[in-house]
Amino acid sequence: MNTKTADRIATGVFYCIAFIIIAILVSLFYYILVNGLKNISLEFITTPSSNVRAGGGIRDQLFNSLYVLVITMVIAVPLGLGGGIYMAEYAKPGKITDTIRSCIEVLASLPSIVIGMFGLLMFVNLTGWGYTILGGALALTVFNLPVIVRVSEDAIRSVPRELKEASLALGITHWHTIKTVILPSAFPTILTGIILASGRVFGEAAALLFTAGLSTPRLDYANWNPFSATSPLNIFRPAETLAVHIWAVNTQGLIPDVEEVSSGAAAVLVLSVLIFNLLARWIGSLIHRKVTATK
């Protein structure tokens, strides 16, 4: 077989792989949206769920998903970015660095159910908080931290070394070089890692099942006191997220319209992830243009 034939075969194989991936994604989206969009309405999105009666909505579950995502990212992004900067710029080769990298890899490979059990032990039982938004966010931080650390480290290492050397040659300190030269250049890749971690938060159910709980108290959305039991901003209340609600409705639901609620909730979840990703990329591109002074 000559090189031209081998090149055509390899090109055809890669095109087939790309087509299969796109076909699977389109089929999945088509199935979820076709079955779910017909069940979505303003009433469905803005009314609370019901355990026994038909016609319940997903208002609280949708808000809980977004709120848990925000709390998780507020905790995980600074820690993950700091870990990536340390591993790429400050950690010296040796046994300690190898041990840290091994721990990161082990954490990244743990199943979400194991993270959930760890969260149940640490953030529910040991702290005495019970099922809380904060406990769920901390468990998801443990779940997503290795991804953000590895992506941040790889993004920083991929920045051309000449940029760093030119900055240091001008007498700029190491930290200022990281802050003003390396991080802006690595920002698009870091943002991609953060978006991937955020998508995992949206769709995670097992870890939240053991930490955030299967119920949501009656919430008063006019009450913005974060210490009130009925406030949606209270991080020490149980919070059933959208992914957990879909699981609970399909496995334990007693309502007569189980299929309609689960299909509609799944469609809302997929659309929420899609909209969040598009908005995050758009905002990220604006930030990147601003910090790098590019058009």
Protein backbone atom coordinates (compact mmCIF):
# COMPACT_ATOMS: atom_id res chain seq x y z
CA MET A 1 0.00 0.00 0.00
CA ASN A 2 1.48 3.35 -1.05
CA THR A 3 1.40 6.48 1.08
CA LYS A 4 -1.36 8.21 -0.92
CA THR A 5 -3.72 5.27 -0.49
CA ALA A 6 -2.95 5.06 3.22
CA ASP A 7 -3.59 8.80 3.53
CA ARG A 8 -6.99 8.48 1.80
CA ILE A 9 -7.95 5.56 4.06
CA ALA A 10 -6.91 7.43 7.19
CA THR A 11 -8.80 10.54 6.07
CA GLY A 12 -11.92 8.47 5.37
CA VAL A 13 -11.70 6.76 8.76
CA PHE A 14 -11.42 10.07 10.60
CA TYR A 15 -14.31 11.54 8.62
CA CYS A 16 -16.41 8.47 9.56
CA ILE A 17 -15.53 8.88 13.23
CA ALA A 18 -16.51 12.57 13.10
CA PHE A 19 -19.78 11.67 11.35
CA ILE A 20 -20.59 9.01 13.97
CA ILE A 21 -19.96 11.46 16.83
CA ILE A 22 -22.14 14.13 15.22
CA ALA A 23 -24.87 11.58 14.42
CA ILE A 24 -24.96 10.33 18.01
CA LEU A 25 -25.14 13.89 19.36
CA VAL A 26 -27.87 14.96 16.90
CA SER A 27 -29.88 11.80 17.57
CA LEU A 28 -29.67 12.33 21.32
CA PHE A 29 -30.71 15.96 21.07
CA TYR A 30 -33.50 15.10 18.63
CA TYR A 31 -34.93 12.39 20.88
CA ILE A 32 -34.82 14.52 24.03
CA LEU A 33 -36.15 17.70 22.45
CA VAL A 34 -38.88 16.09 20.34
CA ASN A 35 -40.25 14.26 23.37
CA GLY A 36 -39.71 17.13 25.79
CA LEU A 37 -40.43 20.42 24.02
CA LYS A 38 -44.15 19.67 23.72
CA ASN A 39 -44.34 19.46 27.52
CA ILE A 40 -42.53 22.74 28.19
CA SER A 41 -44.56 25.84 28.94
CA LEU A 42 -44.26 28.96 31.02
CA GLU A 43 -46.42 27.35 33.68
CA PHE A 44 -44.19 24.25 33.70
CA ILE A 45 -41.08 26.37 34.32
CA THR A 46 -42.60 28.76 36.87
CA THR A 47 -44.66 26.45 39.11
CA PRO A 48 -43.37 24.20 41.92
CA SER A 49 -43.33 20.44 41.55
CA SER A 50 -45.94 18.10 42.99
CA ASN A 51 -45.46 14.65 44.50
CA VAL A 52 -48.99 13.36 43.98
CA ARG A 53 -50.91 15.62 41.61
CA ALA A 54 -50.52 16.04 37.87
CA GLY A 55 -49.47 19.37 36.39
CA GLY A 56 -46.47 20.09 38.60
CA GLY A 57 -43.57 22.16 37.36
CA ILE A 58 -39.81 22.42 37.87
CA ARG A 59 -39.39 25.98 39.15
CA ASP A 60 -37.49 25.15 42.32
CA GLN A 61 -35.42 22.38 40.74
CA LEU A 62 -34.29 24.65 37.90
CA PHE A 63 -33.31 27.40 40.33
CA ASN A 64 -31.52 24.89 42.57
CA SER A 65 -29.49 23.60 39.62
CA LEU A 66 -28.35 27.09 38.69
CA TYR A 67 -27.65 28.04 42.30
CA VAL A 68 -25.63 24.88 43.00
CA LEU A 69 -23.69 25.53 39.79
CA VAL A 70 -22.82 29.09 40.88
CA ILE A 71 -21.76 28.05 44.40
CA THR A 72 -19.68 25.17 43.03
CA MET A 73 -17.89 27.32 40.48
CA VAL A 74 -17.20 30.06 43.06
CA ILE A 75 -15.38 27.43 45.15
CA ALA A 76 -13.87 25.21 42.45
CA VAL A 77 -12.54 27.73 39.91
CA PRO A 78 -10.15 29.64 42.23
CA LEU A 79 -8.90 26.39 43.78
CA GLY A 80 -8.52 24.66 40.41
CA LEU A 81 -6.86 27.63 38.75
CA GLY A 82 -4.52 28.08 41.69
CA GLY A 83 -3.62 24.39 41.58
CA GLY A 84 -2.95 24.59 37.86
CA ILE A 85 -0.71 27.63 38.29
CA TYR A 86 1.22 25.90 41.08
CA MET A 87 1.72 22.70 39.09
CA ALA A 88 2.78 24.54 35.94
CA GLU A 89 4.89 27.39 37.35
CA TYR A 90 5.99 26.65 40.92
CA ALA A 91 6.10 22.88 41.48
CA LYS A 92 9.60 21.46 41.12
CA PRO A 93 10.12 17.97 39.68
CA GLY A 94 10.33 15.42 42.46
CA LYS A 95 8.47 12.92 44.57
CA ILE A 96 6.15 15.52 46.10
CA THR A 97 5.04 16.82 42.71
CA ASP A 98 4.61 13.27 41.41
CA THR A 99 2.50 12.42 44.46
CA ILE A 100 0.29 15.48 43.93
CA ARG A 101 -0.19 14.61 40.27
CA SER A 102 -1.06 11.02 41.17
CA CYS A 103 -3.65 12.25 43.69
CA ILE A 104 -5.19 14.49 41.02
CA GLU A 105 -5.41 11.57 38.59
CA VAL A 106 -6.98 9.33 41.22
CA LEU A 107 -9.58 11.99 42.06
CA ALA A 108 -10.37 12.45 38.38
CA SER A 109 -11.05 8.73 37.97
CA LEU A 110 -13.35 8.31 40.98
CA PRO A 111 -17.01 7.54 40.15
CA SER A 112 -19.52 10.19 41.14
CA ILE A 113 -21.26 7.75 43.51
CA VAL A 114 -18.02 7.48 45.51
CA ILE A 115 -17.80 11.28 45.69
CA GLY A 116 -21.41 11.28 46.87
CA MET A 117 -20.67 8.83 49.66
CA PHE A 118 -17.62 10.85 50.68
CA GLY A 119 -19.77 13.99 50.69
CA LEU A 120 -22.40 12.21 52.79
CA LEU A 121 -19.75 11.34 55.37
CA MET A 122 -17.89 14.66 55.39
CA PHE A 123 -20.42 17.37 54.52
CA VAL A 124 -23.64 15.83 55.83
CA ASN A 125 -22.88 13.61 58.83
CA LEU A 126 -19.55 14.87 60.15
CA THR A 127 -20.44 18.57 59.93
CA GLY A 128 -24.00 18.03 61.14
CA TRP A 129 -25.38 20.23 58.35
CA GLY A 130 -27.67 17.58 56.94
CA TYR A 131 -28.64 17.82 53.27
CA THR A 132 -27.59 21.28 52.10
CA ILE A 133 -26.69 23.23 48.99
CA LEU A 134 -23.26 23.94 50.45
CA GLY A 135 -22.62 20.23 51.06
CA GLY A 136 -23.60 19.45 47.46
CA ALA A 137 -21.40 22.25 46.13
CA LEU A 138 -18.41 21.03 48.16
CA ALA A 139 -18.92 17.47 46.92
CA LEU A 140 -19.09 18.69 43.33
CA THR A 141 -15.97 20.77 43.95
CA VAL A 142 -14.12 17.58 44.85
CA PHE A 143 -15.61 15.99 41.73
CA ASN A 144 -14.59 18.79 39.32
CA LEU A 145 -11.38 20.07 40.91
CA PRO A 146 -9.06 17.57 39.14
CA VAL A 147 -10.48 18.52 35.74
CA ILE A 148 -9.95 22.24 36.28
CA VAL A 149 -6.45 21.70 37.70
CA ARG A 150 -5.31 19.53 34.78
CA VAL A 151 -6.84 21.77 32.13
CA SER A 152 -5.35 24.89 33.74
CA GLU A 153 -1.93 23.29 34.03
CA ASP A 154 -1.94 22.13 30.40
CA ALA A 155 -3.20 25.53 29.20
CA ILE A 156 -0.46 27.38 31.06
CA ARG A 157 2.24 24.99 29.83
CA SER A 158 1.03 25.45 26.24
CA VAL A 159 1.73 29.20 26.31
CA PRO A 160 4.88 29.91 24.23
CA ARG A 161 7.89 30.11 26.51
CA GLU A 162 9.15 33.16 24.62
CA LEU A 163 6.31 35.27 26.04
CA LYS A 164 7.30 34.43 29.59
CA GLU A 165 11.00 34.96 28.94
CA ALA A 166 10.38 38.31 27.27
CA SER A 167 8.32 39.48 30.24
CA LEU A 168 10.92 38.36 32.78
CA ALA A 169 13.70 39.98 30.71
CA LEU A 170 11.95 43.33 31.15
CA GLY A 171 12.28 42.96 34.93
CA ILE A 172 8.65 42.02 35.58
CA THR A 173 8.14 39.71 38.55
CA HIS A 174 7.15 36.08 38.12
CA TRP A 175 3.65 36.53 39.56
CA HIS A 176 2.98 39.67 37.50
CA THR A 177 4.10 37.77 34.39
CA ILE A 178 1.67 34.97 35.21
CA LYS A 179 -1.15 37.45 35.85
CA THR A 180 -0.65 39.74 32.85
CA VAL A 181 0.99 37.53 30.20
CA ILE A 182 0.47 33.81 30.77
CA LEU A 183 -3.11 33.68 32.07
CA PRO A 184 -4.59 35.92 29.33
CA SER A 185 -2.92 33.76 26.68
CA ALA A 186 -4.15 30.55 28.31
CA PHE A 187 -7.63 31.91 29.05
CA PRO A 188 -9.53 30.28 26.12
CA THR A 189 -8.34 26.79 27.06
CA ILE A 190 -8.99 27.39 30.76
CA LEU A 191 -12.49 28.61 29.91
CA THR A 192 -13.14 25.43 27.94
CA GLY A 193 -12.18 23.35 30.98
CA ILE A 194 -14.44 25.43 33.23
CA ILE A 195 -17.36 25.00 30.82
CA LEU A 196 -16.82 21.22 30.75
CA ALA A 197 -16.79 21.15 34.55
CA SER A 198 -19.95 23.28 34.65
CA GLY A 199 -21.72 20.86 32.33
CA ARG A 200 -20.88 18.05 34.72
CA VAL A 201 -22.43 20.05 37.57
CA PHE A 202 -25.65 20.53 35.60
CA GLY A 203 -26.03 16.86 34.82
CA GLU A 204 -24.74 15.36 38.06
CA ALA A 205 -27.23 13.40 40.15
CA ALA A 206 -25.42 10.71 42.16
CA ALA A 207 -23.19 13.05 44.18
CA LEU A 208 -26.05 15.48 44.89
CA LEU A 209 -28.40 12.68 45.82
CA PHE A 210 -26.35 12.03 48.98
CA THR A 211 -25.43 15.64 49.79
CA ALA A 212 -28.09 18.10 48.59
CA GLY A 213 -31.03 15.78 49.11
CA LEU A 214 -34.24 14.76 47.36
CA SER A 215 -36.48 17.55 48.62
CA THR A 216 -36.87 21.31 48.50
CA PRO A 217 -38.71 23.37 51.12
CA ARG A 218 -41.39 25.81 50.05
CA LEU A 219 -39.43 28.81 48.84
CA ASP A 220 -40.42 32.47 48.98
CA TYR A 221 -38.65 34.12 46.05
CA ALA A 222 -39.43 37.55 47.50
CA ASN A 223 -37.36 36.67 50.57
CA TRP A 224 -33.70 37.45 49.84
CA ASN A 225 -32.47 36.95 53.40
CA PRO A 226 -29.84 34.19 52.99
CA PHE A 227 -30.34 33.11 56.63
CA SER A 228 -34.09 32.52 56.31
CA ALA A 229 -35.34 28.94 56.00
CA THR A 230 -37.67 29.89 53.12
CA SER A 231 -35.15 32.00 51.23
CA PRO A 232 -33.92 30.57 47.90
CA LEU A 233 -30.46 31.96 48.71
CA ASN A 234 -30.06 29.93 51.91
CA ILE A 235 -27.10 27.61 51.30
CA PHE A 236 -27.95 25.47 54.34
CA ARG A 237 -31.26 24.15 52.99
CA PRO A 238 -31.85 20.93 51.06
CA ALA A 239 -32.11 21.38 47.31
CA GLU A 240 -33.32 18.88 44.74
CA THR A 241 -31.69 19.73 41.42
CA LEU A 242 -33.14 19.13 37.98
CA ALA A 243 -31.04 16.02 37.30
CA VAL A 244 -31.99 14.52 40.66
CA HIS A 245 -35.64 15.40 40.02
CA ILE A 246 -35.59 13.55 36.70
CA TRP A 247 -34.15 10.47 38.42
CA ALA A 248 -36.63 10.70 41.31
CA VAL A 249 -39.66 11.14 39.04
CA ASN A 250 -38.71 8.15 36.90
CA THR A 251 -37.88 5.84 39.81
CA GLN A 252 -40.10 6.96 42.68
CA GLY A 253 -42.68 9.23 41.09
CA LEU A 254 -46.34 8.74 42.07
CA ILE A 255 -47.74 11.47 39.84
CA PRO A 256 -49.88 10.37 36.89
CA ASP A 257 -47.92 12.45 34.35
CA VAL A 258 -44.50 10.97 35.11
CA GLU A 259 -43.45 10.68 31.48
CA GLU A 260 -44.46 14.24 30.59
CA VAL A 261 -42.67 15.76 33.58
CA SER A 262 -39.47 13.76 33.09
CA SER A 263 -39.37 14.45 29.33
CA GLY A 264 -39.98 18.16 29.82
CA ALA A 265 -37.41 18.38 32.61
CA ALA A 266 -34.83 16.56 30.48
CA ALA A 267 -35.42 18.98 27.60
CA VAL A 268 -35.08 21.98 29.93
CA LEU A 269 -31.85 20.51 31.33
CA VAL A 270 -30.36 20.03 27.86
CA LEU A 271 -31.39 23.52 26.74
CA SER A 272 -30.01 25.03 29.95
CA VAL A 273 -26.63 23.39 29.40
CA LEU A 274 -26.60 24.54 25.76
CA ILE A 275 -27.54 28.13 26.61
CA PHE A 276 -25.04 28.24 29.47
CA ASN A 277 -22.22 27.00 27.21
CA LEU A 278 -23.01 29.55 24.50
CA LEU A 279 -23.23 32.42 26.99
CA ALA A 280 -20.03 31.33 28.73
CA ARG A 281 -18.13 31.20 25.44
CA TRP A 282 -19.49 34.58 24.36
CA ILE A 283 -18.60 36.24 27.65
CA GLY A 284 -15.23 34.47 27.63
CA SER A 285 -14.45 35.80 24.15
CA LEU A 286 -15.27 39.33 25.31
CA ILE A 287 -13.00 38.95 28.34
CA HIS A 288 -10.22 37.46 26.23
CA ARG A 289 -10.36 40.35 23.74
CA LYS A 290 -10.28 42.83 26.60
CA VAL A 291 -7.33 41.36 28.50
CA THR A 292 -5.28 40.68 25.36
CA ALA A 293 -6.26 43.87 23.48
CA THR A 294 -7.24 41.86 20.41
CA LYS A 295 -10.13 42.55 18.06
